[in-house]
Protein backbone atom coordinates (compact mmCIF):
# COMPACT_ATOMS: atom_id res chain seq x y z
CA UNK A 1 5.62 -44.72 -12.22
CA UNK A 2 7.24 -48.16 -12.59
CA UNK A 3 10.52 -46.77 -11.24
CA UNK A 4 8.76 -45.40 -8.11
CA UNK A 5 6.99 -48.72 -7.50
CA UNK A 6 10.27 -50.62 -7.91
CA UNK A 7 11.99 -48.33 -5.38
CA UNK A 8 9.14 -48.92 -2.93
CA UNK A 9 9.39 -52.68 -3.42
CA UNK A 10 13.14 -52.61 -2.72
CA UNK A 11 12.61 -50.53 0.45
CA UNK A 12 10.02 -53.01 1.72
CA UNK A 13 12.31 -55.97 0.98
CA UNK A 14 15.12 -54.30 2.94
CA UNK A 15 12.74 -53.57 5.83
CA UNK A 16 11.61 -57.20 6.02
CA UNK A 17 15.19 -58.47 5.80
CA UNK A 18 16.30 -56.11 8.58
CA UNK A 19 13.49 -57.28 10.89
CA UNK A 20 14.28 -60.96 10.21
CA UNK A 21 17.95 -60.38 11.06
CA UNK A 22 16.86 -58.57 14.24
CA UNK A 23 14.71 -61.54 15.30
CA UNK A 24 17.63 -63.95 14.81
CA UNK A 25 19.93 -61.67 16.82
CA UNK A 26 17.37 -61.41 19.64
CA UNK A 27 17.06 -65.20 19.85
CA UNK A 28 20.85 -65.53 20.03
CA UNK A 29 21.08 -62.86 22.74
CA UNK A 30 18.37 -64.58 24.77
CA UNK A 31 20.24 -67.90 24.67
CA UNK A 32 23.49 -66.23 25.73
CA UNK A 33 21.93 -64.09 28.45
CA UNK A 34 19.50 -66.60 29.98
CA UNK A 35 21.75 -67.65 32.92
CA UNK A 36 22.46 -64.04 33.88
CA UNK A 37 18.98 -62.91 34.88
CA UNK A 38 18.32 -61.92 38.48
CA UNK A 39 15.34 -60.67 40.44
CA UNK A 40 15.87 -57.03 39.49
CA UNK A 41 15.61 -57.80 35.76
CA UNK A 42 12.41 -59.78 36.37
CA UNK A 43 10.97 -56.81 38.25
CA UNK A 44 11.93 -54.45 35.41
CA UNK A 45 10.24 -56.68 32.84
CA UNK A 46 7.12 -56.71 35.00
CA UNK A 47 7.11 -52.91 35.21
CA UNK A 48 7.50 -52.62 31.42
CA UNK A 49 4.16 -54.41 31.01
CA UNK A 50 2.53 -51.87 33.33
CA UNK A 51 1.64 -48.53 31.64
CA UNK A 52 1.61 -46.69 35.01
CA UNK A 53 4.68 -48.26 36.64
CA UNK A 54 7.04 -45.98 38.56
CA UNK A 55 9.81 -46.34 35.99
CA UNK A 56 11.38 -43.79 33.65
CA UNK A 57 11.54 -45.24 30.14
CA UNK A 58 12.04 -43.95 26.61
CA UNK A 59 10.61 -46.27 23.94
CA UNK A 60 11.49 -45.63 20.29
CA UNK A 61 8.78 -47.51 18.42
CA UNK A 62 9.06 -47.99 14.64
CA UNK A 63 5.90 -48.95 12.74
CA UNK A 64 5.52 -49.87 9.08
CA UNK A 65 2.02 -50.11 7.57
CA UNK A 66 1.46 -51.54 4.09
CA UNK A 67 -1.28 -51.66 1.47
CA UNK A 68 -2.55 -48.09 1.80
CA UNK A 69 -4.76 -46.63 -0.91
CA UNK A 70 -4.90 -47.49 -4.59
CA UNK A 71 -1.10 -47.41 -4.83
CA UNK A 72 -0.58 -49.96 -1.99
CA UNK A 73 1.56 -47.33 -0.31
CA UNK A 74 3.62 -47.67 2.87
CA UNK A 75 3.57 -45.43 5.93
CA UNK A 76 6.44 -45.37 8.45
CA UNK A 77 5.84 -43.93 11.92
CA UNK A 78 8.50 -43.51 14.59
CA UNK A 79 6.76 -42.96 17.93
CA UNK A 80 9.03 -41.42 20.56
CA UNK A 81 7.19 -42.28 23.79
CA UNK A 82 8.88 -41.07 26.99
CA UNK A 83 7.25 -42.18 30.25
CA UNK A 84 8.02 -40.06 33.32
CA UNK A 85 6.66 -40.88 36.80
CA UNK A 86 6.39 -38.07 39.37
CA UNK A 87 5.89 -38.87 43.06
CA UNK A 88 3.16 -36.61 44.45
CA UNK A 89 3.13 -37.99 48.00
CA UNK A 90 3.53 -41.31 49.81
CA UNK A 91 0.36 -42.70 48.22
CA UNK A 92 0.11 -41.25 44.71
CA UNK A 93 2.12 -40.95 41.49
CA UNK A 94 1.54 -38.81 38.41
CA UNK A 95 2.60 -40.70 35.27
CA UNK A 96 3.26 -38.61 32.14
CA UNK A 97 3.02 -40.66 28.94
CA UNK A 98 3.79 -38.75 25.72
CA UNK A 99 3.62 -39.92 22.10
CA UNK A 100 5.60 -37.86 19.57
CA UNK A 101 5.11 -39.28 16.05
CA UNK A 102 7.60 -38.74 13.22
CA UNK A 103 6.03 -39.87 9.95
CA UNK A 104 6.96 -40.70 6.38
CA UNK A 105 3.88 -41.46 4.30
CA UNK A 106 4.03 -42.53 0.68
CA UNK A 107 1.38 -41.08 -1.62
CA UNK A 108 -1.67 -43.37 -1.40
CA UNK A 109 -3.00 -42.36 -4.84
CA UNK A 110 -1.77 -40.87 -8.10
CA UNK A 111 -1.47 -37.11 -8.13
CA UNK A 112 -0.62 -36.90 -4.42
CA UNK A 113 2.78 -36.28 -2.85
CA UNK A 114 4.72 -38.22 -0.26
CA UNK A 115 4.64 -36.61 3.18
CA UNK A 116 7.40 -36.48 5.79
CA UNK A 117 7.32 -34.64 9.08
CA UNK A 118 5.99 -34.45 12.62
CA UNK A 119 2.53 -35.71 13.58
CA UNK A 120 0.23 -34.42 16.32
CA UNK A 121 1.49 -35.10 19.87
CA UNK A 122 -0.71 -36.93 22.39
CA UNK A 123 0.08 -36.61 26.12
CA UNK A 124 -1.63 -38.52 28.93
CA UNK A 125 -1.57 -37.64 32.64
CA UNK A 126 -2.34 -40.65 34.86
CA UNK A 127 -2.92 -40.15 38.59
CA UNK A 128 -2.21 -43.60 40.02
CA UNK A 129 -2.03 -45.09 43.55
CA UNK A 130 1.44 -46.37 44.40
CA UNK A 131 0.02 -49.58 45.86
CA UNK A 132 -2.42 -51.93 44.09
CA UNK A 133 -6.01 -51.74 45.27
CA UNK A 134 -8.15 -54.59 46.59
CA UNK A 135 -7.74 -57.75 44.53
CA UNK A 136 -4.36 -56.63 43.25
CA UNK A 137 -5.70 -54.28 40.58
CA UNK A 138 -3.49 -51.41 39.39
CA UNK A 139 -5.16 -48.35 37.90
CA UNK A 140 -4.66 -44.78 36.82
CA UNK A 141 -6.87 -42.02 35.45
CA UNK A 142 -6.62 -38.42 34.32
CA UNK A 143 -6.74 -36.14 31.29
CA UNK A 144 -5.32 -36.69 27.80
CA UNK A 145 -4.34 -33.76 25.55
CA UNK A 146 -3.89 -33.57 21.77
CA UNK A 147 -1.46 -30.88 20.57
CA UNK A 148 -1.68 -29.67 16.92
CA UNK A 149 2.07 -30.04 16.47
CA UNK A 150 2.05 -31.80 13.10
CA UNK A 151 3.36 -30.45 9.83
CA UNK A 152 1.09 -29.79 6.84
CA UNK A 153 -0.57 -32.95 5.56
CA UNK A 154 0.16 -34.84 8.80
CA UNK A 155 -1.85 -32.78 11.30
CA UNK A 156 -5.54 -32.34 12.10
CA UNK A 157 -4.70 -28.73 13.11
CA UNK A 158 -6.95 -29.13 16.16
CA UNK A 159 -6.47 -28.90 19.91
CA UNK A 160 -8.14 -31.78 21.70
CA UNK A 161 -8.66 -33.16 25.21
CA UNK A 162 -10.61 -35.73 27.15
CA UNK A 163 -10.38 -38.45 29.84
CA UNK A 164 -8.04 -41.43 29.93
CA UNK A 165 -7.97 -44.50 32.20
CA UNK A 166 -5.99 -47.71 32.57
CA UNK A 167 -6.69 -50.82 34.68
CA UNK A 168 -4.55 -53.95 34.87
CA UNK A 169 -3.60 -56.94 36.97
CA UNK A 170 -0.31 -58.83 37.20
CA UNK A 171 0.09 -62.35 38.54
CA UNK A 172 2.27 -65.42 37.84
CA UNK A 173 3.99 -63.74 34.89
CA UNK A 174 0.72 -62.65 33.29
CA UNK A 175 -0.37 -59.04 32.71
CA UNK A 176 -3.84 -58.21 31.44
CA UNK A 177 -5.89 -55.05 31.35
CA UNK A 178 -7.29 -52.17 29.32
CA UNK A 179 -6.12 -48.67 28.43
CA UNK A 180 -8.71 -46.26 27.03
CA UNK A 181 -9.21 -42.61 26.22
CA UNK A 182 -11.53 -40.28 24.35
CA UNK A 183 -10.49 -37.05 22.65
CA UNK A 184 -12.76 -34.21 21.53
CA UNK A 185 -11.42 -31.24 19.58
CA UNK A 186 -12.20 -27.83 21.07
CA UNK A 187 -10.13 -25.34 19.08
CA UNK A 188 -7.91 -24.95 16.03
CA UNK A 189 -8.00 -24.15 12.36
CA UNK A 190 -8.61 -27.65 10.98
CA UNK A 191 -11.70 -28.23 8.87
CA UNK A 192 -12.84 -31.44 10.56
CA UNK A 193 -13.86 -31.87 14.22
CA UNK A 194 -12.36 -34.72 16.23
CA UNK A 195 -14.25 -37.18 18.41
CA UNK A 196 -12.32 -40.43 18.77
CA UNK A 197 -12.33 -43.29 21.28
CA UNK A 198 -9.16 -45.33 21.75
CA UNK A 199 -9.37 -48.83 23.29
CA UNK A 200 -6.32 -50.98 23.99
CA UNK A 201 -7.08 -54.31 25.71
CA UNK A 202 -3.76 -56.10 26.31
CA UNK A 203 -2.47 -59.48 27.42
CA UNK A 204 1.16 -60.48 27.92
CA UNK A 205 3.25 -63.19 29.55
CA UNK A 206 6.82 -62.75 30.82
CA UNK A 207 9.05 -65.82 31.13
CA UNK A 208 11.81 -66.46 33.69
CA UNK A 209 14.35 -65.24 31.11
CA UNK A 210 12.39 -61.96 30.86
CA UNK A 211 11.08 -62.61 27.39
CA UNK A 212 7.63 -61.04 27.03
CA UNK A 213 5.04 -62.25 24.55
CA UNK A 214 2.19 -59.84 23.98
CA UNK A 215 -1.18 -59.60 22.25
CA UNK A 216 -3.24 -56.42 22.02
CA UNK A 217 -5.44 -54.29 19.84
CA UNK A 218 -5.01 -50.55 19.42
CA UNK A 219 -8.55 -49.83 18.28
CA UNK A 220 -9.86 -46.38 17.41
CA UNK A 221 -13.48 -45.43 16.76
CA UNK A 222 -14.03 -42.21 14.82
CA UNK A 223 -17.43 -40.89 15.91
CA UNK A 224 -17.46 -38.17 13.25
CA UNK A 225 -17.26 -40.75 10.45
CA UNK A 226 -18.69 -43.83 12.28
CA UNK A 227 -15.55 -45.82 11.46
CA UNK A 228 -13.46 -48.39 13.38
CA UNK A 229 -9.74 -48.97 12.85
CA UNK A 230 -8.71 -52.23 14.57
CA UNK A 231 -5.10 -53.45 14.29
CA UNK A 232 -4.34 -56.70 16.13
CA UNK A 233 -0.71 -56.78 17.33
CA UNK A 234 1.38 -59.82 18.23
CA UNK A 235 4.79 -59.02 19.73
CA UNK A 236 7.85 -60.60 21.34
CA UNK A 237 10.21 -58.57 23.53
CA UNK A 238 13.49 -59.29 25.29
CA UNK A 239 15.08 -57.36 28.13
CA UNK A 240 18.89 -57.16 28.04
CA UNK A 241 21.69 -55.25 29.71
CA UNK A 242 24.04 -53.40 27.39
CA UNK A 243 26.99 -51.78 29.11
CA UNK A 244 25.12 -52.14 32.39
CA UNK A 245 22.06 -50.30 31.03
CA UNK A 246 18.77 -52.22 30.77
CA UNK A 247 17.27 -52.09 27.27
CA UNK A 248 14.26 -53.92 25.87
CA UNK A 249 13.99 -54.91 22.20
CA UNK A 250 10.64 -55.76 20.68
CA UNK A 251 9.54 -57.12 17.30
CA UNK A 252 6.03 -57.80 16.09
CA UNK A 253 3.46 -57.80 13.34
CA UNK A 254 -0.16 -56.83 12.95
CA UNK A 255 -3.17 -57.33 10.76
CA UNK A 256 -6.12 -54.98 10.47
CA UNK A 257 -9.40 -56.63 11.42
CA UNK A 258 -11.23 -53.41 10.54
CA UNK A 259 -10.05 -50.33 8.67
CA UNK A 260 -11.40 -47.35 6.75
CA UNK A 261 -11.48 -47.43 2.95
CA UNK A 262 -7.92 -47.12 1.70
CA UNK A 263 -6.46 -48.02 5.12
CA UNK A 264 -3.53 -50.42 5.58
CA UNK A 265 -3.83 -54.20 5.35
CA UNK A 266 -0.96 -55.21 7.65
CA UNK A 267 2.10 -53.88 9.42
CA UNK A 268 5.37 -54.53 11.24
CA UNK A 269 6.79 -53.14 14.47
CA UNK A 270 10.26 -52.86 15.97
CA UNK A 271 10.99 -50.93 19.13
CA UNK A 272 13.87 -50.21 21.48
CA UNK A 273 13.08 -49.10 25.03
CA UNK A 274 15.75 -47.48 27.22
CA UNK A 275 15.14 -47.87 30.96
CA UNK A 276 16.28 -45.64 33.79
CA UNK A 277 15.55 -47.46 37.07
CA UNK A 278 15.94 -45.58 40.34
CA UNK A 279 19.47 -45.63 41.60
CA UNK A 280 20.92 -46.13 38.11
């Protein structure tokens, strides 16, 4: 048991060291790239803060959560999150946002096994006007679908669906708004029904050097168990061009203001987002 705990401690130390090195590299890249930014990069950074922007992007978001269960276990989740806009007509877009989780979860208690595999996929379909509405508000709404794609131990084994909506406003470098959905299970072989509400209020500011500082919560309320999970995320992101291709790097941390028994205490995030603007 001591050997397993020592291995976990070494992995966490390496993770923290890697993220610290990444932060230093990002700061250096920002200082070197600051004079090179033009209007198109500023517009790309603005679109990245908008969940229903007409921009193809592929974020690879790594999340580490610590302090789980009696063993203070760690869970790593890689969310592959492609965003694909489809023009329906001159006034409307359909934005497909998909989350494909790949998970490694250490055993949270003695007698249990570590789990590695695919989690359940969530896909949102936002119908969104191409132009902001009165007052400059941007919005989108549609269905969200839960696919029971996960491997054993990492899946609810339930099909689910429900409504999703996002509203936001952008002005003077600021972006603020709310993304929300609710999923009910309606079929599948899992033992437990699903009824969950997801709320993500967000606030971010993008500087003239296209550095974006963000604050949000990714709160979930489980109606079946009357339980909130409320991580508060603080992030910093930088948009760069690598070989002519725009890429955004993001680092951040989070604490859990509310969690179920045995849930994580805190976490880290690092993501890389590949952008495919029109005409590129």
